[in-house]
Structure formats: C-alpha cells, structure tokens
C-alpha cells in the first residue's frame, strides 16, 4: 500500500469533517484528487485505489456521519453537497479532480456547482442520480429507515468483521485489500469500551438511503457545470433480486447527456462497487480522464469534440465502427497502456491496432426544459445546423450490433425518455 496518510479535521458548513491526505508534498505539481466515498463507507476505503496512483496528491474526505466526521443530522441530501463545497473552499482547492462514488458522487456534483473554480473535472462512479421525474415523487414518511439501520453494529475486531463479510454480498465482490481497508478503518472503539462499533452508525446509514430523491435541485447543479464529467455506470440492476439488487447501478442511463460536457461509460461486467471491486481499473480510469483533459487543445476542457475518452461512449453503444470517416486511434482512448478494458462483455478489444473510432457525439447546452417531458430538450431552433435531434428514433438501448440504430449516420441508442443526438465525423 501507499505510505500512511495524514488525518486532518476541517470546519466546513458549521460541522467538523475528517479527511485523509496522501503525498502533500506533491500538491501543485498536478491536480489534487478529491475522493468522496459512498454511503456507509469512509475515506480509507480508497486506499487500494490510491496505491495505484503513486504520483498524485490525494485528499479523501469523510462525509458527515461517516468515519471520523461529525454526525450532524440532515433531512435531505443537500447538506452533503454544501459540506463538500465548504470543505473545498476551506482547503483552498484549485482545479481539483473530484472523484465521487454513489451518494458521494451526488454530493460532489452539488459541491462543484457551488464552487466551480475549485474543480477542473469530475469522475462520477455509479452516482445515485435518478431520472428527473423521480425527484418529484412523494417523499417517504418521516422517520423512514432503510433495512441497513438494523445491521450488526458490534464486532470484536476488524478481522471478525472481515470474516463475517467475506462471503456475503455485496462485500463478496470486493478486492481482498479493499475489504480489509473497509473493515480496518470502518470501526471505532465501542461507546461502552467493549469491542468495536461501526464508524458510520447503522441508523445514520439507514436514514440516508430513503432520502435519495429529496434533492430536486440536483439537475440545476448538473446543468450549471462547465467542466468535463465522466459518468461510470455499472451493470443494470437485476429485477429478479428482491427486495433490491445492491450490485446493480442506481444511475439513470440518460444522466451523462444532461451535463454540458458529459461522457457515459458502461462497464457492464462490473458492479456498483467498482472502486472496491477493481481498484486498479478505477485508478486507470481516473488517470485516463485526466490525460484526456490534458490532451485537449491548450489544455482546456476537452468537451465532446476534443476528448479521446468520448470514444468510450460510442463503443459502449454496441455499434460497429462505421467505415469511411476520419479516424481516431483507440489506443489513446483514456490514455490506457495497461490491459484491455471491456466496455461491454465480448464487445471489442479497444487496444487492437485495427480499431479506429471515427465518430464523436456532439453535446449541447440545454437551458430549456419542455414541460411535457421529463428530460432536458434543446429547442430545434437553438441547434447548430450540423446537429439534428432524432428523438423519434429513441428506443430502449439494445446493445446489439444488429440494432437498426447502428447505421453509420444514426443516433446513439437511448432510453425512451431522453433525446438521441446524431453522430458526426470529428472536424
């Protein structure tokens, strides 16, 4: 593992947040990485990922009620974003790369909207961000708790916790070092002095989940961002797993299209717990996103027409590479130089010398919203002439190369409630 990080405490938004810092001497040499964990976890769960980022200055913050941070109460998810924004300001972050997992990704989007100069880009790992309409559904009854509120809270030791979770989902998909980091740093001495208890109290964790829809302003934050945003999605949830599938993705498939500079990556053979499941891949995706941004003209935010990582979205559509158009070397894609990355199972080896990515999706800022739709739409009059919306062709994503949507000039497959954009040669 990387050297031992330094624990610090910061007053942010009226509460005390804990954070861990790796390689403080490297600050300023490259963008600081700010990592934000998921519900029920803590900052040290990122240890195995950070081990694969040896030349980066990293800060892993612990959200309120998690790890060693103050357990301030909340009634919706907005305070988590405000906390992060205040933390970024207090730490005087400038152009940081925000990396958030699950609910931590949701909070990170809010923080970047509140403090836009503090972040240069975001990597959202299977964020808990639902379709716009879902945020207008009735709120759960006051006091509603997720079953996590009743989880086992006392353990004799970290090893006892490891032994209990090793064969139980979702922890059974964790890399062994990730499971050890979660258990070793996820306990604190019990209040009565006998054994240990979870650093994130079960009732606190159980209160977080039911309030996932209680932040309708999240889409205002999404549309305010002017920086590249990489959305990593895990495999879809399995409806046959009841009462819910903890390993499936909670992310709305149309989310990336709502960002001004959004990129969607479907990792169909990975679960919601990607950072703990495959820390090495998580680190490569982070490095790839940074390199893609650095390779943009003038070092500016790349957007759709300049970023090599955009090609991932095309690959994940399941469409064959259209012939006869300007090419883009897929081996530059995400800056990978390690091992093949499977975007969808048995799809394509993106490192093959023969693979070329000729088309890039145009992303447009949508500032208007049709009252009859649940997703953002750009009025036709506001579109450049080179781009034509093809909403009439929207249909559920098939992921099959035989799809009629896979014509060389056709649109990207999409969910029924969000617009398709035609693909055009990069110019």
Protein backbone atom coordinates (compact mmCIF):
# COMPACT_ATOMS: atom_id res chain seq x y z
CA UNK A 1 0.00 0.00 0.00
CA UNK A 2 0.93 3.67 -0.28
CA UNK A 3 2.51 5.40 2.70
CA UNK A 4 0.30 6.19 5.66
CA UNK A 5 -1.89 9.24 5.04
CA UNK A 6 -2.27 12.14 7.43
CA UNK A 7 -5.58 12.61 9.23
CA UNK A 8 -6.91 16.15 9.47
CA UNK A 9 -10.07 17.92 10.61
CA UNK A 10 -11.71 20.89 8.90
CA UNK A 11 -14.60 23.13 9.92
CA UNK A 12 -16.96 23.19 6.93
CA UNK A 13 -20.58 24.33 6.78
CA UNK A 14 -20.69 24.55 10.55
CA UNK A 15 -19.54 20.98 11.22
CA UNK A 16 -16.21 19.19 11.54
CA UNK A 17 -15.23 16.96 8.64
CA UNK A 18 -12.36 14.48 8.75
CA UNK A 19 -10.10 13.89 5.76
CA UNK A 20 -7.02 11.90 4.85
CA UNK A 21 -4.18 13.35 2.79
CA UNK A 22 -1.61 11.43 0.76
CA UNK A 23 1.62 12.97 -0.58
CA UNK A 24 1.05 16.57 0.48
CA UNK A 25 4.47 17.46 -0.98
CA UNK A 26 3.08 16.85 -4.47
CA UNK A 27 0.38 19.47 -4.14
CA UNK A 28 0.55 21.93 -7.01
CA UNK A 29 2.56 19.65 -9.29
CA UNK A 30 -0.62 18.20 -10.78
CA UNK A 31 -4.32 18.47 -9.99
CA UNK A 32 -5.28 17.40 -6.49
CA UNK A 33 -7.61 14.41 -6.43
CA UNK A 34 -10.55 14.84 -4.04
CA UNK A 35 -12.16 11.46 -3.36
CA UNK A 36 -15.63 11.11 -1.85
CA UNK A 37 -16.91 7.76 -0.62
CA UNK A 38 -20.36 6.14 -0.78
CA UNK A 39 -22.98 5.88 1.96
CA UNK A 40 -21.81 3.75 4.88
CA UNK A 41 -18.13 3.89 3.95
CA UNK A 42 -15.23 6.19 4.84
CA UNK A 43 -12.18 7.90 3.39
CA UNK A 44 -9.76 5.00 3.81
CA UNK A 45 -11.84 2.74 1.57
CA UNK A 46 -9.96 4.47 -1.27
CA UNK A 47 -6.59 3.12 -0.03
CA UNK A 48 -6.23 0.37 -2.69
CA UNK A 49 -7.15 2.81 -5.49
CA UNK A 50 -4.66 5.40 -4.23
CA UNK A 51 -1.99 2.69 -4.15
CA UNK A 52 -2.25 2.66 -7.97
CA UNK A 53 -1.92 6.46 -8.15
CA UNK A 54 1.62 6.84 -6.76
CA UNK A 55 2.34 10.25 -8.23
CA UNK A 56 -0.82 12.06 -7.16
CA UNK A 57 -1.69 14.36 -4.29
CA UNK A 58 -4.91 12.89 -2.91
CA UNK A 59 -7.42 14.00 -0.29
CA UNK A 60 -10.15 11.59 0.78
CA UNK A 61 -12.86 13.37 2.75
CA UNK A 62 -15.31 11.67 5.09
CA UNK A 63 -18.91 12.81 4.79
CA UNK A 64 -20.94 13.90 7.81
CA UNK A 65 -21.86 10.93 9.96
CA UNK A 66 -19.19 8.76 8.38
CA UNK A 67 -15.73 7.76 9.52
CA UNK A 68 -14.37 10.34 11.93
CA UNK A 69 -16.55 13.25 10.78
CA UNK A 70 -19.21 14.85 12.95
CA UNK A 71 -22.58 13.10 12.78
CA UNK A 72 -24.70 16.18 12.09
CA UNK A 73 -28.35 15.48 11.32
CA UNK A 74 -29.97 16.06 7.90
CA UNK A 75 -33.41 15.95 6.27
CA UNK A 76 -32.35 15.51 2.64
CA UNK A 77 -29.15 15.11 0.61
CA UNK A 78 -28.44 18.80 0.07
CA UNK A 79 -26.33 19.27 3.23
CA UNK A 80 -23.81 16.70 1.99
CA UNK A 81 -23.14 18.84 -1.07
CA UNK A 82 -22.93 22.03 0.95
CA UNK A 83 -20.46 20.35 3.31
CA UNK A 84 -18.22 19.37 0.41
CA UNK A 85 -18.38 22.84 -1.15
CA UNK A 86 -17.33 24.42 2.15
CA UNK A 87 -14.61 21.81 2.57
CA UNK A 88 -13.19 22.53 -0.90
CA UNK A 89 -13.13 26.23 -0.05
CA UNK A 90 -11.55 25.68 3.34
CA UNK A 91 -8.84 23.52 1.77
CA UNK A 92 -8.33 26.15 -0.93
CA UNK A 93 -8.60 23.60 -3.72
CA UNK A 94 -7.99 24.99 -7.21
CA UNK A 95 -8.77 22.95 -10.31
CA UNK A 96 -9.08 19.69 -8.40
CA UNK A 97 -10.31 16.48 -9.97
CA UNK A 98 -13.36 15.35 -8.00
CA UNK A 99 -13.93 11.60 -7.78
CA UNK A 100 -17.14 10.51 -6.13
CA UNK A 101 -18.80 7.15 -5.64
CA UNK A 102 -22.55 6.59 -5.32
CA UNK A 103 -24.05 9.18 -2.95
CA UNK A 104 -20.60 10.78 -2.72
CA UNK A 105 -20.80 11.48 -6.46
CA UNK A 106 -24.20 13.11 -6.00
CA UNK A 107 -22.79 15.39 -3.31
CA UNK A 108 -19.73 16.15 -5.44
CA UNK A 109 -21.88 17.48 -8.30
CA UNK A 110 -23.54 19.91 -5.91
CA UNK A 111 -20.19 20.99 -4.48
CA UNK A 112 -18.73 21.65 -7.94
CA UNK A 113 -21.77 23.75 -8.83
CA UNK A 114 -21.44 25.77 -5.62
CA UNK A 115 -17.65 26.20 -6.02
CA UNK A 116 -16.98 25.97 -9.78
CA UNK A 117 -13.41 27.24 -9.66
CA UNK A 118 -12.41 24.55 -7.19
CA UNK A 119 -12.82 21.72 -9.72
CA UNK A 120 -11.48 21.13 -13.23
CA UNK A 121 -13.36 17.88 -13.91
CA UNK A 122 -15.40 15.18 -12.20
CA UNK A 123 -15.34 11.39 -12.28
CA UNK A 124 -18.68 10.05 -11.04
CA UNK A 125 -18.63 6.36 -10.18
CA UNK A 126 -22.13 4.90 -10.49
CA UNK A 127 -23.69 8.04 -8.97
CA UNK A 128 -27.04 7.88 -7.23
CA UNK A 129 -28.71 10.23 -9.68
CA UNK A 130 -32.18 9.31 -10.83
CA UNK A 131 -34.34 10.38 -13.76
CA UNK A 132 -35.61 13.97 -13.37
CA UNK A 133 -39.19 12.85 -12.83
CA UNK A 134 -38.19 10.67 -9.87
CA UNK A 135 -37.30 13.75 -7.84
CA UNK A 136 -40.91 14.86 -7.96
CA UNK A 137 -42.35 11.67 -6.48
CA UNK A 138 -43.86 11.85 -2.96
CA UNK A 139 -41.36 11.97 -0.13
CA UNK A 140 -41.10 8.94 2.18
CA UNK A 141 -42.95 9.22 5.50
CA UNK A 142 -40.92 10.99 8.21
CA UNK A 143 -38.68 8.60 10.09
CA UNK A 144 -38.46 6.05 7.27
CA UNK A 145 -35.34 3.93 7.62
CA UNK A 146 -33.63 1.55 5.20
CA UNK A 147 -33.04 -2.01 6.49
CA UNK A 148 -29.37 -1.06 6.85
CA UNK A 149 -30.44 0.62 10.10
CA UNK A 150 -30.71 -2.83 11.63
CA UNK A 151 -27.32 -4.17 10.53
CA UNK A 152 -24.86 -5.66 13.00
CA UNK A 153 -23.06 -2.84 14.75
CA UNK A 154 -20.66 -4.56 17.18
CA UNK A 155 -17.53 -6.53 16.35
CA UNK A 156 -14.74 -7.97 18.41
CA UNK A 157 -12.13 -6.87 15.89
CA UNK A 158 -11.56 -5.83 12.29
CA UNK A 159 -10.67 -9.43 11.47
CA UNK A 160 -14.01 -10.60 12.87
CA UNK A 161 -15.73 -8.11 10.59
CA UNK A 162 -13.72 -9.36 7.60
CA UNK A 163 -14.59 -12.96 8.39
CA UNK A 164 -18.29 -12.11 8.61
CA UNK A 165 -18.45 -10.15 5.34
CA UNK A 166 -16.02 -12.03 3.09
CA UNK A 167 -18.67 -14.36 1.64
CA UNK A 168 -21.66 -12.02 1.85
CA UNK A 169 -22.78 -9.74 -0.96
CA UNK A 170 -22.02 -7.02 -1.71
CA UNK A 171 -18.73 -7.41 0.18
CA UNK A 172 -18.00 -10.72 -1.52
CA UNK A 173 -17.15 -8.86 -4.76
CA UNK A 174 -14.57 -6.65 -3.01
CA UNK A 175 -10.89 -6.99 -3.72
CA UNK A 176 -9.32 -8.51 -0.55
CA UNK A 177 -7.35 -5.34 0.16
CA UNK A 178 -10.48 -3.24 -0.27
CA UNK A 179 -12.40 -5.39 2.18
CA UNK A 180 -9.58 -5.14 4.69
CA UNK A 181 -9.39 -1.35 4.30
CA UNK A 182 -13.16 -1.05 4.76
CA UNK A 183 -13.19 -3.15 7.91
CA UNK A 184 -9.94 -1.98 9.46
CA UNK A 185 -10.85 1.71 9.21
CA UNK A 186 -14.62 1.35 9.43
CA UNK A 187 -14.65 0.59 13.14
CA UNK A 188 -14.12 2.73 16.23
CA UNK A 189 -13.94 1.78 19.91
CA UNK A 190 -17.38 1.00 21.26
CA UNK A 191 -19.06 3.58 23.46
CA UNK A 192 -19.08 1.16 26.41
CA UNK A 193 -15.42 0.29 25.94
CA UNK A 194 -16.11 -3.32 24.97
CA UNK A 195 -15.04 -4.20 21.42
CA UNK A 196 -15.75 -2.00 18.41
CA UNK A 197 -18.70 -0.48 16.60
CA UNK A 198 -19.24 0.83 13.09
CA UNK A 199 -17.84 4.30 12.43
CA UNK A 200 -21.00 5.06 10.46
CA UNK A 201 -23.87 4.30 12.83
CA UNK A 202 -26.44 1.94 11.25
CA UNK A 203 -29.34 4.31 11.96
CA UNK A 204 -27.49 7.16 10.27
CA UNK A 205 -26.81 5.00 7.22
CA UNK A 206 -30.40 3.76 7.25
CA UNK A 207 -31.68 7.33 7.14
CA UNK A 208 -29.59 8.27 4.08
CA UNK A 209 -30.98 5.80 1.56
CA UNK A 210 -34.71 6.66 1.70
CA UNK A 211 -33.93 10.34 1.08
CA UNK A 212 -32.19 9.73 -2.25
CA UNK A 213 -34.98 11.54 -4.15
CA UNK A 214 -35.14 14.51 -1.80
CA UNK A 215 -32.99 16.87 -3.82
CA UNK A 216 -34.88 18.09 -6.92
CA UNK A 217 -32.33 20.86 -7.35
CA UNK A 218 -29.63 18.38 -8.37
CA UNK A 219 -30.42 18.95 -12.05
CA UNK A 220 -29.81 22.67 -11.65
CA UNK A 221 -26.37 21.74 -10.35
CA UNK A 222 -25.83 19.33 -13.23
CA UNK A 223 -26.62 21.94 -15.87
CA UNK A 224 -24.53 24.61 -14.16
CA UNK A 225 -21.29 22.67 -14.56
CA UNK A 226 -18.94 23.85 -17.31
CA UNK A 227 -16.32 21.13 -16.80
CA UNK A 228 -15.86 17.61 -18.21
CA UNK A 229 -17.81 14.97 -16.30
CA UNK A 230 -17.14 11.27 -16.74
CA UNK A 231 -20.07 9.05 -15.66
CA UNK A 232 -19.10 5.44 -15.00
CA UNK A 233 -22.08 3.10 -14.88
CA UNK A 234 -22.10 -0.48 -13.60
CA UNK A 235 -24.31 -3.29 -14.87
CA UNK A 236 -28.07 -2.68 -14.65
CA UNK A 237 -30.00 -3.80 -11.61
CA UNK A 238 -31.45 -7.31 -11.77
CA UNK A 239 -35.22 -7.11 -11.16
CA UNK A 240 -35.15 -10.75 -10.08
CA UNK A 241 -33.11 -9.90 -6.99
CA UNK A 242 -35.57 -8.89 -4.27
CA UNK A 243 -36.20 -6.60 -2.49
CA UNK A 244 -33.41 -4.81 -4.44
CA UNK A 245 -30.17 -5.57 -6.23
CA UNK A 246 -27.32 -3.90 -4.30
CA UNK A 247 -24.81 -4.74 -7.03
CA UNK A 248 -26.72 -3.08 -9.87
CA UNK A 249 -26.41 0.53 -10.97
CA UNK A 250 -28.71 3.20 -9.48
CA UNK A 251 -27.65 5.69 -12.18
CA UNK A 252 -30.21 6.93 -14.72
CA UNK A 253 -28.80 5.88 -18.14
CA UNK A 254 -29.53 9.33 -19.57
CA UNK A 255 -27.53 11.18 -16.93
CA UNK A 256 -24.36 11.92 -18.89
CA UNK A 257 -26.33 13.63 -21.66
CA UNK A 258 -27.63 16.16 -19.13
CA UNK A 259 -24.14 17.52 -18.43
CA UNK A 260 -22.74 20.12 -20.80
CA UNK A 261 -19.58 18.05 -21.17
CA UNK A 262 -20.76 14.62 -20.10
CA UNK A 263 -19.30 11.27 -21.12
CA UNK A 264 -21.04 7.97 -20.43
CA UNK A 265 -19.12 4.73 -19.86
CA UNK A 266 -20.99 1.49 -19.30
CA UNK A 267 -18.93 -1.17 -17.55
CA UNK A 268 -21.40 -4.00 -17.99
CA UNK A 269 -19.24 -6.60 -16.26
CA UNK A 270 -18.69 -4.50 -13.13
CA UNK A 271 -20.92 -3.84 -10.12
CA UNK A 272 -21.94 -0.72 -8.24
CA UNK A 273 -18.90 -1.22 -6.00
CA UNK A 274 -16.32 -0.69 -8.75
CA UNK A 275 -13.73 1.18 -6.60
CA UNK A 276 -13.63 -1.70 -4.12
CA UNK A 277 -14.14 -4.44 -6.71
CA UNK A 278 -11.33 -3.43 -9.07
CA UNK A 279 -9.09 -0.72 -7.58
CA UNK A 280 -6.53 -0.98 -10.39
CA UNK A 281 -9.14 -0.37 -13.07
CA UNK A 282 -10.59 2.50 -11.06
CA UNK A 283 -7.15 4.12 -10.92
CA UNK A 284 -6.66 3.67 -14.67
CA UNK A 285 -10.00 5.30 -15.38
CA UNK A 286 -9.04 8.26 -13.21
CA UNK A 287 -5.66 8.64 -14.91
CA UNK A 288 -7.33 8.26 -18.29
CA UNK A 289 -9.81 11.02 -17.60
CA UNK A 290 -7.01 13.36 -16.51
CA UNK A 291 -4.90 12.57 -19.56
CA UNK A 292 -7.86 13.10 -21.85
CA UNK A 293 -8.36 16.56 -20.39
CA UNK A 294 -4.65 17.35 -20.59
CA UNK A 295 -4.58 16.35 -24.27
CA UNK A 296 -7.29 18.85 -25.20
CA UNK A 297 -6.14 21.86 -27.25
CA UNK A 298 -4.46 24.39 -25.00
CA UNK A 299 -5.14 22.17 -22.01
CA UNK A 300 -8.71 23.44 -21.93
CA UNK A 301 -11.72 21.40 -21.01
CA UNK A 302 -12.00 18.94 -23.89
CA UNK A 303 -15.74 18.67 -24.42
CA UNK A 304 -17.21 16.21 -26.87
CA UNK A 305 -15.28 17.22 -29.96
CA UNK A 306 -11.80 17.08 -28.47
CA UNK A 307 -11.76 14.43 -25.78
CA UNK A 308 -10.46 10.97 -26.72
CA UNK A 309 -12.39 9.46 -23.85
CA UNK A 310 -15.59 10.35 -25.68
CA UNK A 311 -15.00 7.36 -27.90
CA UNK A 312 -15.86 5.08 -24.99
CA UNK A 313 -19.47 6.16 -25.27
CA UNK A 314 -19.51 5.07 -28.90
CA UNK A 315 -18.01 1.70 -28.09
CA UNK A 316 -20.49 1.13 -25.29
CA UNK A 317 -23.39 1.56 -27.73
CA UNK A 318 -22.66 -1.86 -29.21
CA UNK A 319 -22.44 -0.37 -32.72
CA UNK A 320 -19.72 -1.45 -35.16
CA UNK A 321 -17.24 1.21 -36.20
CA UNK A 322 -18.65 2.96 -39.31
CA UNK A 323 -16.34 2.87 -42.33
CA UNK A 324 -15.02 5.69 -44.44
CA UNK A 325 -14.61 8.55 -42.00
CA UNK A 326 -11.79 10.34 -40.16
CA UNK A 327 -10.24 8.01 -37.60
CA UNK A 328 -9.13 8.30 -34.04
CA UNK A 329 -6.63 5.90 -32.53
CA UNK A 330 -8.43 3.94 -29.84
CA UNK A 331 -5.18 3.17 -28.10
CA UNK A 332 -5.14 6.79 -26.98
CA UNK A 333 -8.59 6.26 -25.56
CA UNK A 334 -8.47 7.20 -21.88
CA UNK A 335 -4.68 7.08 -22.01
CA UNK A 336 -4.61 3.38 -21.17
CA UNK A 337 -1.37 1.44 -21.56
CA UNK A 338 -2.12 -1.44 -19.24
CA UNK A 339 -4.56 -4.15 -20.26
CA UNK A 340 -7.73 -4.39 -22.38
CA UNK A 341 -10.78 -2.75 -20.88
CA UNK A 342 -14.07 -4.48 -21.52
CA UNK A 343 -16.72 -1.82 -22.10
CA UNK A 344 -19.44 -4.39 -22.64
CA UNK A 345 -18.96 -8.14 -22.45
CA UNK A 346 -17.36 -9.67 -25.52
CA UNK A 347 -17.63 -6.35 -27.34
CA UNK A 348 -14.24 -5.30 -28.63
CA UNK A 349 -10.61 -5.08 -27.66
CA UNK A 350 -10.06 -1.35 -27.66
CA UNK A 351 -6.33 -1.79 -27.83
CA UNK A 352 -6.30 -3.62 -31.14
CA UNK A 353 -4.19 -1.85 -33.75
CA UNK A 354 -7.10 -2.20 -36.16
CA UNK A 355 -9.65 -0.40 -34.03
CA UNK A 356 -10.46 3.16 -35.06
CA UNK A 357 -13.06 5.44 -33.54
CA UNK A 358 -14.32 7.80 -36.24
CA UNK A 359 -17.38 9.44 -34.75
CA UNK A 360 -17.92 11.72 -31.80
CA UNK A 361 -21.18 12.77 -30.24
CA UNK A 362 -21.99 16.46 -30.12
CA UNK A 363 -23.04 17.68 -26.68
CA UNK A 364 -25.19 20.79 -26.47
CA UNK A 365 -26.01 23.02 -23.50
CA UNK A 366 -29.71 22.64 -22.82
CA UNK A 367 -31.06 25.57 -20.88
CA UNK A 368 -34.74 24.96 -21.58
CA UNK A 369 -36.95 22.15 -20.48
CA UNK A 370 -40.15 21.07 -22.13
CA UNK A 371 -43.00 20.90 -19.59
CA UNK A 372 -44.31 17.80 -21.31
CA UNK A 373 -41.04 15.88 -20.97
CA UNK A 374 -39.09 14.59 -18.02
CA UNK A 375 -35.72 15.29 -19.59
CA UNK A 376 -33.89 18.32 -20.89
CA UNK A 377 -34.50 19.15 -24.56
CA UNK A 378 -32.82 21.70 -26.76
CA UNK A 379 -35.30 23.60 -28.93
CA UNK A 380 -34.63 22.80 -32.57
CA UNK A 381 -34.12 26.47 -33.41
CA UNK A 382 -31.20 26.68 -31.00
CA UNK A 383 -29.28 23.77 -32.51
CA UNK A 384 -26.36 24.18 -34.89
CA UNK A 385 -27.29 23.17 -38.42
CA UNK A 386 -24.82 20.29 -38.29
CA UNK A 387 -26.73 18.63 -35.48
CA UNK A 388 -30.22 17.25 -35.79
CA UNK A 389 -32.07 15.77 -32.84
CA UNK A 390 -33.62 12.43 -33.64
CA UNK A 391 -35.97 11.92 -30.74
CA UNK A 392 -38.40 9.99 -32.90
CA UNK A 393 -35.86 7.19 -33.12
CA UNK A 394 -35.36 6.89 -29.39
CA UNK A 395 -35.97 3.41 -28.09
CA UNK A 396 -34.60 1.20 -25.33
CA UNK A 397 -30.89 0.50 -25.64
CA UNK A 398 -30.26 -2.93 -27.13
CA UNK A 399 -26.51 -3.17 -27.00
CA UNK A 400 -26.60 -5.43 -30.10
CA UNK A 401 -24.72 -4.64 -33.27
CA UNK A 402 -27.75 -5.77 -35.26
CA UNK A 403 -29.76 -2.85 -33.88
CA UNK A 404 -31.27 -0.63 -36.58
CA UNK A 405 -29.86 2.30 -34.67
CA UNK A 406 -26.34 1.25 -35.61
CA UNK A 407 -26.30 2.88 -39.01
CA UNK A 408 -23.20 4.92 -39.71
CA UNK A 409 -25.18 8.15 -39.57
CA UNK A 410 -27.67 7.05 -36.96
CA UNK A 411 -28.08 8.26 -33.41
CA UNK A 412 -26.79 6.78 -30.21
CA UNK A 413 -29.25 4.32 -28.64
CA UNK A 414 -31.03 5.87 -25.69
CA UNK A 415 -33.68 5.34 -23.08
CA UNK A 416 -37.23 6.29 -24.14
CA UNK A 417 -37.26 9.46 -22.04
CA UNK A 418 -34.14 11.19 -23.28
CA UNK A 419 -33.06 12.60 -26.65
CA UNK A 420 -30.73 10.97 -29.13
CA UNK A 421 -28.04 13.00 -30.84
CA UNK A 422 -26.75 12.07 -34.26
CA UNK A 423 -23.11 11.14 -34.64
CA UNK A 424 -20.96 13.27 -36.91
CA UNK A 425 -17.36 12.99 -38.10
CA UNK A 426 -14.98 14.87 -35.89
CA UNK A 427 -13.75 18.02 -37.66
